[in-house]
N, C-alpha and C. Protein backbone atom coordinates (compact mmCIF):
# COMPACT_ATOMS: atom_id res chain seq x y z
N MET A 1 68.15 90.74 91.61
CA MET A 1 69.00 90.37 92.30
C MET A 1 69.35 90.14 94.41
N GLU A 2 68.67 89.54 95.08
CA GLU A 2 68.53 89.77 96.57
C GLU A 2 69.52 90.30 96.90
N LEU A 3 69.98 91.10 97.83
CA LEU A 3 70.67 91.66 98.73
C LEU A 3 71.45 89.97 100.02
N HIS A 4 70.95 89.82 100.05
CA HIS A 4 71.91 87.86 100.86
C HIS A 4 72.90 87.33 99.53
N GLU A 5 71.67 87.26 98.07
CA GLU A 5 72.80 86.86 97.21
C GLU A 5 73.89 87.69 96.70
N ALA A 6 74.06 89.27 96.60
CA ALA A 6 74.75 89.88 96.29
C ALA A 6 75.99 89.97 97.77
N LEU A 7 75.42 89.67 98.46
CA LEU A 7 76.53 89.68 99.33
C LEU A 7 77.56 88.48 99.34
N ALA A 8 76.30 87.07 99.00
CA ALA A 8 76.58 85.57 98.58
C ALA A 8 77.91 85.46 97.85
N ALA A 9 77.67 86.28 96.85
CA ALA A 9 78.46 86.43 95.75
C ALA A 9 80.19 87.09 95.78
N ARG A 10 79.95 88.29 96.84
CA ARG A 10 81.12 89.30 96.94
C ARG A 10 81.95 88.65 97.79
N VAL A 11 81.27 87.93 98.99
CA VAL A 11 82.15 87.38 99.94
C VAL A 11 82.38 86.10 99.56
N ALA A 12 81.88 85.29 98.47
CA ALA A 12 82.34 84.03 97.79
C ALA A 12 84.17 84.72 96.81
N GLY A 13 83.29 85.43 96.53
CA GLY A 13 85.14 85.91 95.62
C GLY A 13 85.93 86.56 96.43
N TRP A 14 85.71 87.05 97.38
CA TRP A 14 86.69 87.92 98.16
C TRP A 14 87.68 86.19 98.84
N ARG A 15 87.19 85.18 99.01
CA ARG A 15 87.74 84.16 99.81
C ARG A 15 88.45 83.70 98.46
N ALA A 16 88.01 83.10 97.58
CA ALA A 16 88.27 83.01 96.66
C ALA A 16 89.65 83.42 96.58
N ASP A 17 90.25 84.88 96.08
CA ASP A 17 90.81 85.83 95.96
C ASP A 17 91.91 86.03 97.44
N GLY A 18 91.77 84.63 98.39
CA GLY A 18 92.58 85.26 99.37
C GLY A 18 92.29 85.58 100.59
N TYR A 19 91.06 86.46 100.67
CA TYR A 19 90.64 87.69 101.39
C TYR A 19 91.45 88.82 101.64
N PRO A 20 91.99 89.66 100.82
CA PRO A 20 92.86 90.59 101.31
C PRO A 20 92.51 92.22 101.06
N SER A 21 92.60 92.39 101.97
CA SER A 21 92.57 94.13 102.61
C SER A 21 93.97 94.76 103.29
N GLU A 22 93.60 95.67 102.57
CA GLU A 22 94.93 96.68 102.50
C GLU A 22 94.72 97.31 104.31
N ARG A 23 93.27 97.60 104.30
CA ARG A 23 93.76 98.24 105.93
C ARG A 23 93.88 97.33 107.18
N PHE A 24 93.47 96.46 106.81
CA PHE A 24 93.53 94.89 107.61
C PHE A 24 94.04 93.66 107.22
N PRO A 25 95.47 93.90 107.10
CA PRO A 25 96.25 92.50 106.11
C PRO A 25 96.34 91.22 107.11
N ALA A 26 95.95 91.26 108.26
CA ALA A 26 96.50 89.86 109.15
C ALA A 26 95.03 89.45 109.29
N ILE A 27 94.18 89.95 108.69
CA ILE A 27 92.41 89.11 108.41
C ILE A 27 92.85 87.79 107.53
N ALA A 28 93.69 88.22 106.70
CA ALA A 28 93.29 86.96 105.78
C ALA A 28 94.18 85.79 106.82
N GLU A 29 95.35 85.69 107.27
CA GLU A 29 96.09 84.68 107.93
C GLU A 29 95.08 84.33 108.82
N ILE A 30 94.08 85.25 109.89
CA ILE A 30 92.69 84.70 110.64
C ILE A 30 91.55 83.84 110.33
N LEU A 31 91.63 84.59 108.56
CA LEU A 31 90.48 83.92 108.16
C LEU A 31 90.95 82.09 107.39
N ASN A 32 92.03 82.68 107.40
CA ASN A 32 92.31 81.23 106.30
C ASN A 32 92.94 80.16 107.01
N VAL A 33 92.76 80.09 108.51
CA VAL A 33 93.57 78.88 109.52
C VAL A 33 91.97 77.82 109.35
N ASP A 34 92.43 76.93 109.88
CA ASP A 34 91.32 75.57 109.98
C ASP A 34 90.87 75.08 111.30
N VAL A 35 89.55 74.96 111.13
CA VAL A 35 89.06 75.27 112.24
C VAL A 35 88.44 73.94 112.57
N VAL A 36 88.34 73.13 113.60
CA VAL A 36 87.69 72.12 113.67
C VAL A 36 87.05 72.76 115.22
N TRP A 37 85.68 71.71 115.41
CA TRP A 37 85.06 71.76 116.56
C TRP A 37 85.18 70.05 116.65
N LYS A 38 85.97 70.12 117.84
CA LYS A 38 85.23 68.44 118.61
C LYS A 38 84.97 68.13 120.28
N SER A 39 84.32 67.16 120.86
CA SER A 39 83.78 67.24 121.25
C SER A 39 85.46 66.19 122.78
N ASP A 40 85.25 66.95 124.03
CA ASP A 40 86.24 66.22 124.90
C ASP A 40 85.82 65.47 125.20
N MET A 41 85.92 64.37 126.60
CA MET A 41 85.46 63.60 127.11
C MET A 41 84.87 63.55 128.03
N LEU A 42 84.39 65.14 128.06
CA LEU A 42 83.28 65.38 129.12
C LEU A 42 81.60 66.11 128.45
N GLY A 43 81.94 65.96 126.84
CA GLY A 43 81.32 66.58 126.07
C GLY A 43 80.58 67.68 125.91
N GLN A 44 81.90 68.52 126.23
CA GLN A 44 81.94 70.06 125.55
C GLN A 44 82.41 70.09 124.49
N LYS A 45 82.53 70.98 124.28
CA LYS A 45 82.88 71.45 122.73
C LYS A 45 84.28 72.50 122.73
N ILE A 46 85.24 71.94 122.22
CA ILE A 46 86.63 72.20 122.27
C ILE A 46 86.78 72.49 120.41
N LEU A 47 87.74 73.26 120.29
CA LEU A 47 88.20 74.45 119.67
C LEU A 47 89.68 73.77 118.97
N LEU A 48 89.51 73.13 117.69
CA LEU A 48 90.77 72.86 117.53
C LEU A 48 91.48 73.51 115.98
N VAL A 49 92.58 73.93 116.55
CA VAL A 49 92.99 74.69 114.86
C VAL A 49 93.94 73.95 114.22
N GLU A 50 93.58 73.45 113.36
CA GLU A 50 95.01 72.53 112.25
C GLU A 50 95.97 73.48 112.30
N PRO A 51 97.53 73.20 113.07
CA PRO A 51 98.50 74.08 112.46
C PRO A 51 98.97 74.51 110.91
N ARG A 52 99.68 74.97 110.69
CA ARG A 52 99.69 75.63 108.98
C ARG A 52 101.30 76.04 109.33
N GLU A 53 102.15 76.06 107.96
CA GLU A 53 103.63 76.78 107.90
C GLU A 53 102.57 77.89 107.47
N SER A 54 104.21 79.04 108.10
CA SER A 54 103.48 80.39 107.37
C SER A 54 104.83 80.77 106.92
N ALA A 55 104.73 81.48 105.44
CA ALA A 55 105.57 81.89 104.97
C ALA A 55 106.84 82.87 105.11
């Protein structure tokens, strides 16, 4: 297995588990945000974050 394949597999598993991190627990909330790039009226890219309910 190549390094990039091993890393991709580990990241996919980490993502599927909800990004668990004992040292940085807020990382899951940050990475689980739905991000959308759209163009504004001037053609500039703007970042839109879909709202989520927090428990």
